[in-house]
Amino acid sequence: MLNYILKRMGLMVITFFVAIFLYFMFIKLIPDNHVPPIGSDNQYYENLVKKEGWDKPIPVQFAYWIRNIVQSGSFGFSKDYQEDVSVVYFSRIPATLKVNVIPYLVSIPLAILIGIVAALHKNKFLDHVISVGIIVFISVPTFVTYVLAQYLFYFRWRLVPDFKVATASEIALYGTWYGVATYIMPIVLMTIVSIPGSARTVRAELTEQLTQDYMLLAQSKGLTKRQATYRHALKNAIAPFLPGMIIGIIGVISGSVVFEQIFRINGTGGVFLQAFMSRDYAMIMLGTVFTQSIGLVAAILSDISLTLFDPRVRVGSGKIQA
């Protein structure tokens, strides 16, 4: 087990640096559209170019960027915000977490429950209703769901106080309860759109497990179908679902560009989008590095959790044995 983890971590480091260099190279190939404001000099931007080494070849720029991270812990200076990109980016994470943590924690058990119900009632009325709902929510783009909900619940029926999440100034003006109420619709919508894909996976896996020979063996030894399902089939059906649960942490922290734009959330997704639009290279790289590192760590944790959860998988002698 330890050898497997060490090997995965070594591969993770190599993958990380290769991926980051490729991201850096492709981002630097994007033309810089910087235009100095009318009536002001461009001295600030010229100094930034020299400081970051943007006037040098891409490999040299990458070496400068790594050097600054190692020496001073700086991921670069934002030309839009005129301060260190880490200060700007990490200050937006709390806003992203506020609307992503609850949907993530609530959608997982609900998806598992819905998937179980659908699998246990396969080809029956309840299964058909759940399957149609899953197909509808998977087929309809999420931004359509968000905009339609805004139109109905705020502009048409006035059931929510605002179509967007309240800012700090609005909360100070209208009160805490107003601010909390503005989070209800986005959180509920995010939870709803997160359930269908996971529920479909659980249903498919559990349906397959219920037809396996070990289920007949378990029932022949005296277990009821319900006992065999919850003791054996459900555990085996959830195991493939675990990696997706852990990797979903990426979305919780990095946020959603579409979601944050529609509900005016001042989170990391909006910063990342603005950085691409204005060619703020340092901000783009910080967001990319942060997301990539979380994804690689989550991938290792998902593999480890799978080996611990699924008794059919064992790790030894540097290879996985099933």
C-alpha atoms as a PDB file:
ATOM      1  CA  MET A   1       0.000   0.000   0.000  1.00  0.00           C
ATOM      2  CA  LEU A   2       2.762   2.433   0.965  1.00  0.00           C
ATOM      3  CA  ASN A   3       4.751   1.662  -2.178  1.00  0.00           C
ATOM      4  CA  TYR A   4       1.651   2.263  -4.285  1.00  0.00           C
ATOM      5  CA  ILE A   5       0.989   5.630  -2.624  1.00  0.00           C
ATOM      6  CA  LEU A   6       4.621   6.727  -3.023  1.00  0.00           C
ATOM      7  CA  LYS A   7       4.608   5.707  -6.683  1.00  0.00           C
ATOM      8  CA  ARG A   8       1.374   7.610  -7.314  1.00  0.00           C
ATOM      9  CA  MET A   9       2.738  10.700  -5.576  1.00  0.00           C
ATOM     10  CA  GLY A  10       5.897  10.561  -7.702  1.00  0.00           C
ATOM     11  CA  LEU A  11       3.833  10.296 -10.866  1.00  0.00           C
ATOM     12  CA  MET A  12       1.626  13.103  -9.571  1.00  0.00           C
ATOM     13  CA  VAL A  13       4.612  15.452  -9.227  1.00  0.00           C
ATOM     14  CA  ILE A  14       5.854  14.638 -12.741  1.00  0.00           C
ATOM     15  CA  THR A  15       2.363  15.022 -14.210  1.00  0.00           C
ATOM     16  CA  PHE A  16       1.889  18.294 -12.360  1.00  0.00           C
ATOM     17  CA  PHE A  17       5.031  19.943 -13.717  1.00  0.00           C
ATOM     18  CA  VAL A  18       4.492  18.703 -17.274  1.00  0.00           C
ATOM     19  CA  ALA A  19       0.876  19.874 -17.274  1.00  0.00           C
ATOM     20  CA  ILE A  20       1.735  23.242 -15.734  1.00  0.00           C
ATOM     21  CA  PHE A  21       4.465  23.905 -18.320  1.00  0.00           C
ATOM     22  CA  LEU A  22       2.053  23.044 -21.155  1.00  0.00           C
ATOM     23  CA  TYR A  23      -0.618  25.306 -19.664  1.00  0.00           C
ATOM     24  CA  PHE A  24       1.955  28.082 -19.294  1.00  0.00           C
ATOM     25  CA  MET A  25       3.101  27.704 -22.882  1.00  0.00           C
ATOM     26  CA  PHE A  26      -0.392  27.678 -24.367  1.00  0.00           C
ATOM     27  CA  ILE A  27      -1.506  30.628 -22.244  1.00  0.00           C
ATOM     28  CA  LYS A  28       1.529  32.643 -23.325  1.00  0.00           C
ATOM     29  CA  LEU A  29       0.673  31.932 -26.962  1.00  0.00           C
ATOM     30  CA  ILE A  30      -2.531  33.929 -26.500  1.00  0.00           C
ATOM     31  CA  PRO A  31      -1.923  37.430 -27.942  1.00  0.00           C
ATOM     32  CA  ASP A  32      -1.724  40.187 -25.355  1.00  0.00           C
ATOM     33  CA  ASN A  33      -4.476  42.730 -25.991  1.00  0.00           C
ATOM     34  CA  HIS A  34      -3.308  45.263 -23.429  1.00  0.00           C
ATOM     35  CA  VAL A  35      -4.146  48.838 -24.377  1.00  0.00           C
ATOM     36  CA  PRO A  36      -3.138  51.632 -21.989  1.00  0.00           C
ATOM     37  CA  PRO A  37      -6.014  53.807 -20.749  1.00  0.00           C
ATOM     38  CA  ILE A  38      -6.540  57.044 -22.661  1.00  0.00           C
ATOM     39  CA  GLY A  39      -4.659  59.923 -21.104  1.00  0.00           C
ATOM     40  CA  SER A  40      -2.306  57.800 -18.994  1.00  0.00           C
ATOM     41  CA  ASP A  41       1.193  56.491 -19.586  1.00  0.00           C
ATOM     42  CA  ASN A  42       2.062  52.838 -19.940  1.00  0.00           C
ATOM     43  CA  GLN A  43       5.000  52.870 -17.535  1.00  0.00           C
ATOM     44  CA  TYR A  44       3.316  50.589 -14.996  1.00  0.00           C
ATOM     45  CA  TYR A  45       2.673  47.877 -17.582  1.00  0.00           C
ATOM     46  CA  GLU A  46       6.170  48.176 -19.057  1.00  0.00           C
ATOM     47  CA  ASN A  47       7.718  47.737 -15.608  1.00  0.00           C
ATOM     48  CA  LEU A  48       5.511  44.693 -15.038  1.00  0.00           C
ATOM     49  CA  VAL A  49       6.635  43.167 -18.331  1.00  0.00           C
ATOM     50  CA  LYS A  50      10.285  43.516 -17.333  1.00  0.00           C
ATOM     51  CA  LYS A  51       9.670  42.274 -13.794  1.00  0.00           C
ATOM     52  CA  GLU A  52       7.833  39.133 -14.932  1.00  0.00           C
ATOM     53  CA  GLY A  53      10.093  38.557 -17.940  1.00  0.00           C
ATOM     54  CA  TRP A  54       7.229  38.688 -20.459  1.00  0.00           C
ATOM     55  CA  ASP A  55       9.573  40.091 -23.107  1.00  0.00           C
ATOM     56  CA  LYS A  56      11.703  36.928 -23.046  1.00  0.00           C
ATOM     57  CA  PRO A  57      11.200  33.460 -24.636  1.00  0.00           C
ATOM     58  CA  ILE A  58       8.523  31.247 -23.049  1.00  0.00           C
ATOM     59  CA  PRO A  59      10.944  28.773 -21.376  1.00  0.00           C
ATOM     60  CA  VAL A  60      12.748  31.707 -19.749  1.00  0.00           C
ATOM     61  CA  GLN A  61       9.430  33.181 -18.624  1.00  0.00           C
ATOM     62  CA  PHE A  62       8.520  29.845 -17.074  1.00  0.00           C
ATOM     63  CA  ALA A  63      11.874  29.725 -15.252  1.00  0.00           C
ATOM     64  CA  TYR A  64      11.263  33.262 -13.927  1.00  0.00           C
ATOM     65  CA  TRP A  65       7.793  32.273 -12.778  1.00  0.00           C
ATOM     66  CA  ILE A  66       9.070  29.185 -10.910  1.00  0.00           C
ATOM     67  CA  ARG A  67      11.905  31.224  -9.409  1.00  0.00           C
ATOM     68  CA  ASN A  68       9.518  33.826  -8.023  1.00  0.00           C
ATOM     69  CA  ILE A  69       7.329  31.112  -6.468  1.00  0.00           C
ATOM     70  CA  VAL A  70      10.300  29.417  -4.772  1.00  0.00           C
ATOM     71  CA  GLN A  71      12.037  32.592  -3.618  1.00  0.00           C
ATOM     72  CA  SER A  72       9.134  34.780  -2.519  1.00  0.00           C
ATOM     73  CA  GLY A  73       6.020  32.610  -2.777  1.00  0.00           C
ATOM     74  CA  SER A  74       4.617  34.966  -5.398  1.00  0.00           C
ATOM     75  CA  PHE A  75       2.607  33.625  -8.328  1.00  0.00           C
ATOM     76  CA  GLY A  76       2.873  36.944 -10.101  1.00  0.00           C
ATOM     77  CA  PHE A  77       1.419  40.434 -10.114  1.00  0.00           C
ATOM     78  CA  SER A  78      -2.023  41.066 -11.559  1.00  0.00           C
ATOM     79  CA  LYS A  79      -2.068  43.776 -14.196  1.00  0.00           C
ATOM     80  CA  ASP A  80      -5.811  44.277 -13.625  1.00  0.00           C
ATOM     81  CA  TYR A  81      -5.907  44.455  -9.812  1.00  0.00           C
ATOM     82  CA  GLN A  82      -2.336  45.773  -9.437  1.00  0.00           C
ATOM     83  CA  GLU A  83      -1.499  43.464  -6.539  1.00  0.00           C
ATOM     84  CA  ASP A  84      -0.287  39.918  -5.984  1.00  0.00           C
ATOM     85  CA  VAL A  85      -2.642  37.462  -7.695  1.00  0.00           C
ATOM     86  CA  SER A  86      -2.756  35.146  -4.675  1.00  0.00           C
ATOM     87  CA  VAL A  87      -4.249  37.943  -2.551  1.00  0.00           C
ATOM     88  CA  VAL A  88      -7.053  38.484  -5.064  1.00  0.00           C
ATOM     89  CA  TYR A  89      -7.746  34.850  -5.949  1.00  0.00           C
ATOM     90  CA  PHE A  90      -7.762  33.363  -2.453  1.00  0.00           C
ATOM     91  CA  SER A  91      -9.876  36.232  -1.121  1.00  0.00           C
ATOM     92  CA  ARG A  92     -12.652  35.062  -3.482  1.00  0.00           C
ATOM     93  CA  ILE A  93     -12.673  31.433  -2.297  1.00  0.00           C
ATOM     94  CA  PRO A  94     -15.003  32.069   0.710  1.00  0.00           C
ATOM     95  CA  ALA A  95     -17.684  33.481  -1.625  1.00  0.00           C
ATOM     96  CA  THR A  96     -17.410  30.384  -3.815  1.00  0.00           C
ATOM     97  CA  LEU A  97     -17.546  28.005  -0.852  1.00  0.00           C
ATOM     98  CA  LYS A  98     -20.690  29.654   0.512  1.00  0.00           C
ATOM     99  CA  VAL A  99     -22.746  28.535  -2.486  1.00  0.00           C
ATOM    100  CA  ASN A 100     -20.967  25.268  -3.283  1.00  0.00           C
ATOM    101  CA  VAL A 101     -20.377  23.429  -0.001  1.00  0.00           C
ATOM    102  CA  ILE A 102     -24.026  22.858   0.944  1.00  0.00           C
ATOM    103  CA  PRO A 103     -25.088  21.611  -2.534  1.00  0.00           C
ATOM    104  CA  TYR A 104     -22.084  19.272  -2.586  1.00  0.00           C
ATOM    105  CA  LEU A 105     -22.817  17.802   0.857  1.00  0.00           C
ATOM    106  CA  VAL A 106     -26.575  17.514   0.289  1.00  0.00           C
ATOM    107  CA  SER A 107     -26.568  16.274  -3.324  1.00  0.00           C
ATOM    108  CA  ILE A 108     -24.394  13.215  -2.610  1.00  0.00           C
ATOM    109  CA  PRO A 109     -26.718  11.439  -0.124  1.00  0.00           C
ATOM    110  CA  LEU A 110     -29.792  12.475  -2.114  1.00  0.00           C
ATOM    111  CA  ALA A 111     -28.271  11.122  -5.338  1.00  0.00           C
ATOM    112  CA  ILE A 112     -27.413   7.829  -3.641  1.00  0.00           C
ATOM    113  CA  LEU A 113     -30.912   7.556  -2.178  1.00  0.00           C
ATOM    114  CA  ILE A 114     -32.636   8.324  -5.485  1.00  0.00           C
ATOM    115  CA  GLY A 115     -30.373   5.877  -7.319  1.00  0.00           C
ATOM    116  CA  ILE A 116     -31.149   3.131  -4.805  1.00  0.00           C
ATOM    117  CA  VAL A 117     -34.892   3.712  -5.022  1.00  0.00           C
ATOM    118  CA  ALA A 118     -34.798   3.628  -8.822  1.00  0.00           C
ATOM    119  CA  ALA A 119     -32.717   0.429  -8.887  1.00  0.00           C
ATOM    120  CA  LEU A 120     -34.926  -1.391  -6.362  1.00  0.00           C
ATOM    121  CA  HIS A 121     -38.024  -0.474  -8.399  1.00  0.00           C
ATOM    122  CA  LYS A 122     -36.485  -1.164 -11.799  1.00  0.00           C
ATOM    123  CA  ASN A 123     -38.944  -0.925 -14.724  1.00  0.00           C
ATOM    124  CA  LYS A 124     -41.742   0.124 -12.388  1.00  0.00           C
ATOM    125  CA  PHE A 125     -43.627   3.393 -12.242  1.00  0.00           C
ATOM    126  CA  LEU A 126     -41.329   4.997  -9.669  1.00  0.00           C
ATOM    127  CA  ASP A 127     -38.253   4.070 -11.704  1.00  0.00           C
ATOM    128  CA  HIS A 128     -39.775   5.558 -14.844  1.00  0.00           C
ATOM    129  CA  VAL A 129     -40.579   8.833 -13.067  1.00  0.00           C
ATOM    130  CA  ILE A 130     -37.051   9.109 -11.657  1.00  0.00           C
ATOM    131  CA  SER A 131     -35.451   8.182 -15.001  1.00  0.00           C
ATOM    132  CA  VAL A 132     -37.467  10.806 -16.894  1.00  0.00           C
ATOM    133  CA  GLY A 133     -36.527  13.456 -14.329  1.00  0.00           C
ATOM    134  CA  ILE A 134     -32.855  12.501 -14.573  1.00  0.00           C
ATOM    135  CA  ILE A 135     -32.906  12.647 -18.374  1.00  0.00           C
ATOM    136  CA  VAL A 136     -34.621  16.045 -18.361  1.00  0.00           C
ATOM    137  CA  PHE A 137     -32.141  17.637 -15.950  1.00  0.00           C
ATOM    138  CA  ILE A 138     -29.141  16.097 -17.706  1.00  0.00           C
ATOM    139  CA  SER A 139     -30.357  17.166 -21.154  1.00  0.00           C
ATOM    140  CA  VAL A 140     -31.250  20.757 -20.273  1.00  0.00           C
ATOM    141  CA  PRO A 141     -28.177  23.014 -19.942  1.00  0.00           C
ATOM    142  CA  THR A 142     -27.686  24.231 -16.407  1.00  0.00           C
ATOM    143  CA  PHE A 143     -27.682  27.907 -17.394  1.00  0.00           C
ATOM    144  CA  VAL A 144     -31.178  27.449 -18.855  1.00  0.00           C
ATOM    145  CA  THR A 145     -32.365  26.028 -15.531  1.00  0.00           C
ATOM    146  CA  TYR A 146     -30.812  28.936 -13.619  1.00  0.00           C
ATOM    147  CA  VAL A 147     -32.249  31.652 -15.859  1.00  0.00           C
ATOM    148  CA  LEU A 148     -35.696  30.032 -15.964  1.00  0.00           C
ATOM    149  CA  ALA A 149     -35.745  29.786 -12.159  1.00  0.00           C
ATOM    150  CA  GLN A 150     -34.780  33.455 -11.882  1.00  0.00           C
ATOM    151  CA  TYR A 151     -37.599  34.445 -14.229  1.00  0.00           C
ATOM    152  CA  LEU A 152     -40.256  32.363 -12.475  1.00  0.00           C
ATOM    153  CA  PHE A 153     -39.350  32.725  -8.807  1.00  0.00           C
ATOM    154  CA  TYR A 154     -38.293  36.375  -8.844  1.00  0.00           C
ATOM    155  CA  PHE A 155     -39.549  38.282 -11.876  1.00  0.00           C
ATOM    156  CA  ARG A 156     -42.853  36.401 -12.267  1.00  0.00           C
ATOM    157  CA  TRP A 157     -43.941  35.141  -8.817  1.00  0.00           C
ATOM    158  CA  ARG A 158     -41.763  37.268  -6.487  1.00  0.00           C
ATOM    159  CA  LEU A 159     -41.173  34.301  -4.170  1.00  0.00           C
ATOM    160  CA  VAL A 160     -37.516  35.192  -3.522  1.00  0.00           C
ATOM    161  CA  PRO A 161     -36.136  38.586  -2.449  1.00  0.00           C
ATOM    162  CA  ASP A 162     -33.663  38.937  -5.324  1.00  0.00           C
ATOM    163  CA  PHE A 163     -32.560  37.163  -8.485  1.00  0.00           C
ATOM    164  CA  LYS A 164     -28.908  37.286  -7.377  1.00  0.00           C
ATOM    165  CA  VAL A 165     -26.868  36.748  -4.230  1.00  0.00           C
ATOM    166  CA  ALA A 166     -26.738  39.837  -2.015  1.00  0.00           C
ATOM    167  CA  THR A 167     -23.462  41.725  -1.733  1.00  0.00           C
ATOM    168  CA  ALA A 168     -21.930  42.771   1.590  1.00  0.00           C
ATOM    169  CA  SER A 169     -23.270  46.313   1.162  1.00  0.00           C
ATOM    170  CA  GLU A 170     -26.786  45.026   0.432  1.00  0.00           C
ATOM    171  CA  ILE A 171     -26.695  42.792   3.509  1.00  0.00           C
ATOM    172  CA  ALA A 172     -25.613  45.756   5.634  1.00  0.00           C
ATOM    173  CA  LEU A 173     -28.454  47.829   4.161  1.00  0.00           C
ATOM    174  CA  TYR A 174     -31.323  45.289   4.199  1.00  0.00           C
ATOM    175  CA  GLY A 175     -30.274  42.991   7.031  1.00  0.00           C
ATOM    176  CA  THR A 176     -28.829  39.518   7.575  1.00  0.00           C
ATOM    177  CA  TRP A 177     -32.054  37.632   6.857  1.00  0.00           C
ATOM    178  CA  TYR A 178     -32.309  39.302   3.482  1.00  0.00           C
ATOM    179  CA  GLY A 179     -28.790  38.151   2.669  1.00  0.00           C
ATOM    180  CA  VAL A 180     -29.492  34.585   3.804  1.00  0.00           C
ATOM    181  CA  ALA A 181     -32.714  34.492   1.780  1.00  0.00           C
ATOM    182  CA  THR A 182     -30.891  35.422  -1.418  1.00  0.00           C
ATOM    183  CA  TYR A 183     -28.742  32.286  -1.054  1.00  0.00           C
ATOM    184  CA  ILE A 184     -31.716  29.908  -0.919  1.00  0.00           C
ATOM    185  CA  MET A 185     -32.557  29.782  -4.635  1.00  0.00           C
ATOM    186  CA  PRO A 186     -28.955  29.425  -5.895  1.00  0.00           C
ATOM    187  CA  ILE A 187     -28.144  26.700  -3.349  1.00  0.00           C
ATOM    188  CA  VAL A 188     -31.343  24.757  -4.090  1.00  0.00           C
ATOM    189  CA  LEU A 189     -30.755  24.989  -7.842  1.00  0.00           C
ATOM    190  CA  MET A 190     -27.124  23.940  -7.534  1.00  0.00           C
ATOM    191  CA  THR A 191     -28.203  20.949  -5.436  1.00  0.00           C
ATOM    192  CA  ILE A 192     -30.880  19.902  -7.922  1.00  0.00           C
ATOM    193  CA  VAL A 193     -28.629  20.051 -10.994  1.00  0.00           C
ATOM    194  CA  SER A 194     -25.898  18.118  -9.146  1.00  0.00           C
ATOM    195  CA  ILE A 195     -28.105  15.117  -8.345  1.00  0.00           C
ATOM    196  CA  PRO A 196     -29.124  13.573 -11.732  1.00  0.00           C
ATOM    197  CA  GLY A 197     -25.709  12.485 -13.006  1.00  0.00           C
ATOM    198  CA  SER A 198     -24.703  10.872  -9.718  1.00  0.00           C
ATOM    199  CA  ALA A 199     -28.121   9.256  -9.242  1.00  0.00           C
ATOM    200  CA  ARG A 200     -27.932   7.705 -12.706  1.00  0.00           C
ATOM    201  CA  THR A 201     -24.494   6.259 -11.912  1.00  0.00           C
ATOM    202  CA  VAL A 202     -25.699   4.728  -8.637  1.00  0.00           C
ATOM    203  CA  ARG A 203     -28.798   3.281 -10.299  1.00  0.00           C
ATOM    204  CA  ALA A 204     -26.789   1.703 -13.112  1.00  0.00           C
ATOM    205  CA  GLU A 205     -24.202   0.199 -10.759  1.00  0.00           C
ATOM    206  CA  LEU A 206     -26.749  -1.126  -8.267  1.00  0.00           C
ATOM    207  CA  THR A 207     -28.928  -2.571 -11.019  1.00  0.00           C
ATOM    208  CA  GLU A 208     -25.921  -4.486 -12.318  1.00  0.00           C
ATOM    209  CA  GLN A 209     -24.969  -5.741  -8.856  1.00  0.00           C
ATOM    210  CA  LEU A 210     -28.485  -7.021  -8.157  1.00  0.00           C
ATOM    211  CA  THR A 211     -28.166  -9.420 -11.103  1.00  0.00           C
ATOM    212  CA  GLN A 212     -24.829 -10.893 -10.007  1.00  0.00           C
ATOM    213  CA  ASP A 213     -24.495 -14.518  -8.911  1.00  0.00           C
ATOM    214  CA  TYR A 214     -23.332 -13.600  -5.405  1.00  0.00           C
ATOM    215  CA  MET A 215     -26.786 -12.158  -4.713  1.00  0.00           C
ATOM    216  CA  LEU A 216     -28.362 -15.569  -5.340  1.00  0.00           C
ATOM    217  CA  LEU A 217     -25.675 -17.164  -3.168  1.00  0.00           C
ATOM    218  CA  ALA A 218     -26.320 -14.704  -0.333  1.00  0.00           C
ATOM    219  CA  GLN A 219     -30.067 -15.357  -0.468  1.00  0.00           C
ATOM    220  CA  SER A 220     -29.529 -19.123  -0.603  1.00  0.00           C
ATOM    221  CA  LYS A 221     -27.591 -18.833   2.661  1.00  0.00           C
ATOM    222  CA  GLY A 222     -30.596 -17.302   4.382  1.00  0.00           C
ATOM    223  CA  LEU A 223     -30.358 -13.579   3.739  1.00  0.00           C
ATOM    224  CA  THR A 224     -33.425 -11.773   2.506  1.00  0.00           C
ATOM    225  CA  LYS A 225     -33.188  -9.750  -0.692  1.00  0.00           C
ATOM    226  CA  ARG A 226     -33.175  -6.538   1.341  1.00  0.00           C
ATOM    227  CA  GLN A 227     -30.367  -7.799   3.599  1.00  0.00           C
ATOM    228  CA  ALA A 228     -28.297  -9.020   0.637  1.00  0.00           C
ATOM    229  CA  THR A 229     -28.828  -5.698  -1.111  1.00  0.00           C
ATOM    230  CA  TYR A 230     -27.701  -3.488   1.755  1.00  0.00           C
ATOM    231  CA  ARG A 231     -24.875  -5.746   2.977  1.00  0.00           C
ATOM    232  CA  HIS A 232     -23.326  -6.646  -0.354  1.00  0.00           C
ATOM    233  CA  ALA A 233     -24.806  -5.116  -3.512  1.00  0.00           C
ATOM    234  CA  LEU A 234     -25.010  -1.542  -2.258  1.00  0.00           C
ATOM    235  CA  LYS A 235     -21.420  -1.543  -1.049  1.00  0.00           C
ATOM    236  CA  ASN A 236     -20.164  -2.803  -4.397  1.00  0.00           C
ATOM    237  CA  ALA A 237     -22.357  -0.299  -6.268  1.00  0.00           C
ATOM    238  CA  ILE A 238     -21.112   2.689  -4.262  1.00  0.00           C
ATOM    239  CA  ALA A 239     -17.419   1.834  -4.729  1.00  0.00           C
ATOM    240  CA  PRO A 240     -17.179   3.119  -8.359  1.00  0.00           C
ATOM    241  CA  PHE A 241     -19.062   6.229  -7.257  1.00  0.00           C
ATOM    242  CA  LEU A 242     -16.441   7.215  -4.657  1.00  0.00           C
ATOM    243  CA  PRO A 243     -13.816   8.693  -7.027  1.00  0.00           C
ATOM    244  CA  GLY A 244     -16.373  11.074  -8.481  1.00  0.00           C
ATOM    245  CA  MET A 245     -17.411  12.183  -4.997  1.00  0.00           C
ATOM    246  CA  ILE A 246     -13.862  13.110  -4.035  1.00  0.00           C
ATOM    247  CA  ILE A 247     -12.951  14.696  -7.366  1.00  0.00           C
ATOM    248  CA  GLY A 248     -16.115  16.801  -7.007  1.00  0.00           C
ATOM    249  CA  ILE A 249     -14.189  18.805  -4.417  1.00  0.00           C
ATOM    250  CA  ILE A 250     -12.533  20.580  -7.356  1.00  0.00           C
ATOM    251  CA  GLY A 251     -15.836  22.174  -8.288  1.00  0.00           C
ATOM    252  CA  VAL A 252     -16.543  23.147  -4.701  1.00  0.00           C
ATOM    253  CA  ILE A 253     -13.332  25.161  -4.418  1.00  0.00           C
ATOM    254  CA  SER A 254     -12.767  26.374  -7.979  1.00  0.00           C
ATOM    255  CA  GLY A 255     -16.407  27.382  -8.517  1.00  0.00           C
ATOM    256  CA  SER A 256     -18.476  27.600 -11.675  1.00  0.00           C
ATOM    257  CA  VAL A 257     -18.030  30.440 -14.154  1.00  0.00           C
ATOM    258  CA  VAL A 258     -21.602  30.209 -15.504  1.00  0.00           C
ATOM    259  CA  PHE A 259     -23.228  29.872 -12.080  1.00  0.00           C
ATOM    260  CA  GLU A 260     -21.302  32.759 -10.553  1.00  0.00           C
ATOM    261  CA  GLN A 261     -21.969  35.036 -13.502  1.00  0.00           C
ATOM    262  CA  ILE A 262     -25.726  34.390 -13.499  1.00  0.00           C
ATOM    263  CA  PHE A 263     -26.138  34.927  -9.763  1.00  0.00           C
ATOM    264  CA  ARG A 264     -23.556  37.748  -9.514  1.00  0.00           C
ATOM    265  CA  ILE A 265     -21.349  35.837  -7.078  1.00  0.00           C
ATOM    266  CA  ASN A 266     -17.976  37.464  -6.546  1.00  0.00           C
ATOM    267  CA  GLY A 267     -16.083  34.162  -6.492  1.00  0.00           C
ATOM    268  CA  THR A 268     -13.119  32.488  -8.132  1.00  0.00           C
ATOM    269  CA  GLY A 269     -15.015  31.621 -11.313  1.00  0.00           C
ATOM    270  CA  GLY A 270     -15.596  35.265 -12.138  1.00  0.00           C
ATOM    271  CA  VAL A 271     -11.967  36.157 -11.455  1.00  0.00           C
ATOM    272  CA  PHE A 272     -10.807  33.369 -13.765  1.00  0.00           C
ATOM    273  CA  LEU A 273     -13.135  34.499 -16.551  1.00  0.00           C
ATOM    274  CA  GLN A 274     -12.060  38.114 -16.227  1.00  0.00           C
ATOM    275  CA  ALA A 275      -8.426  37.051 -16.320  1.00  0.00           C
ATOM    276  CA  PHE A 276      -8.952  35.281 -19.636  1.00  0.00           C
ATOM    277  CA  MET A 277     -10.780  38.238 -21.126  1.00  0.00           C
ATOM    278  CA  SER A 278      -8.078  40.733 -20.144  1.00  0.00           C
ATOM    279  CA  ARG A 279      -5.084  38.387 -20.664  1.00  0.00           C
ATOM    280  CA  ASP A 280      -4.077  38.593 -17.001  1.00  0.00           C
ATOM    281  CA  TYR A 281      -1.509  35.801 -17.381  1.00  0.00           C
ATOM    282  CA  ALA A 282      -0.474  35.581 -13.730  1.00  0.00           C
ATOM    283  CA  MET A 283      -4.075  35.209 -12.550  1.00  0.00           C
ATOM    284  CA  ILE A 284      -4.806  32.546 -15.179  1.00  0.00           C
ATOM    285  CA  MET A 285      -1.758  30.542 -14.107  1.00  0.00           C
ATOM    286  CA  LEU A 286      -2.613  30.733 -10.407  1.00  0.00           C
ATOM    287  CA  GLY A 287      -6.142  29.489 -11.039  1.00  0.00           C
ATOM    288  CA  THR A 288      -4.811  26.724 -13.270  1.00  0.00           C
ATOM    289  CA  VAL A 289      -2.134  25.618 -10.781  1.00  0.00           C
ATOM    290  CA  PHE A 290      -4.570  25.670  -7.879  1.00  0.00           C
ATOM    291  CA  THR A 291      -7.206  23.636  -9.713  1.00  0.00           C
ATOM    292  CA  GLN A 292      -4.650  21.200 -11.134  1.00  0.00           C
ATOM    293  CA  SER A 293      -3.078  20.530  -7.727  1.00  0.00           C
ATOM    294  CA  ILE A 294      -6.465  19.908  -6.119  1.00  0.00           C
ATOM    295  CA  GLY A 295      -7.425  17.586  -8.957  1.00  0.00           C
ATOM    296  CA  LEU A 296      -4.263  15.489  -8.674  1.00  0.00           C
ATOM    297  CA  VAL A 297      -4.543  15.174  -4.891  1.00  0.00           C
ATOM    298  CA  ALA A 298      -8.234  14.300  -5.205  1.00  0.00           C
ATOM    299  CA  ALA A 299      -7.387  11.625  -7.779  1.00  0.00           C
ATOM    300  CA  ILE A 300      -4.934   9.959  -5.384  1.00  0.00           C
ATOM    301  CA  LEU A 301      -7.397  10.150  -2.499  1.00  0.00           C
ATOM    302  CA  SER A 302     -10.110   8.630  -4.673  1.00  0.00           C
ATOM    303  CA  ASP A 303      -7.860   5.699  -5.584  1.00  0.00           C
ATOM    304  CA  ILE A 304      -6.927   5.135  -1.941  1.00  0.00           C
ATOM    305  CA  SER A 305     -10.565   5.312  -0.851  1.00  0.00           C
ATOM    306  CA  LEU A 306     -11.480   2.780  -3.521  1.00  0.00           C
ATOM    307  CA  THR A 307      -8.898   0.294  -2.266  1.00  0.00           C
ATOM    308  CA  LEU A 308     -10.140   0.715   1.305  1.00  0.00           C
ATOM    309  CA  PHE A 309     -13.840   0.586   0.480  1.00  0.00           C
ATOM    310  CA  ASP A 310     -13.912  -2.202  -2.089  1.00  0.00           C
ATOM    311  CA  PRO A 311     -12.735  -5.536  -0.595  1.00  0.00           C
ATOM    312  CA  ARG A 312     -12.097  -6.895  -4.093  1.00  0.00           C
ATOM    313  CA  VAL A 313      -9.250  -4.474  -4.628  1.00  0.00           C
ATOM    314  CA  ARG A 314      -5.935  -4.975  -2.891  1.00  0.00           C
ATOM    315  CA  VAL A 315      -2.715  -3.112  -3.378  1.00  0.00           C
ATOM    316  CA  GLY A 316       0.572  -4.920  -3.017  1.00  0.00           C
ATOM    317  CA  SER A 317       3.960  -5.416  -4.578  1.00  0.00           C
ATOM    318  CA  GLY A 318       3.588  -2.229  -6.590  1.00  0.00           C
ATOM    319  CA  LYS A 319       0.511  -3.336  -8.510  1.00  0.00           C
ATOM    320  CA  ILE A 320      -3.235  -3.578  -8.027  1.00  0.00           C
ATOM    321  CA  GLN A 321      -4.641  -7.048  -7.667  1.00  0.00           C
ATOM    322  CA  ALA A 322      -8.371  -7.645  -8.060  1.00  0.00           C
END
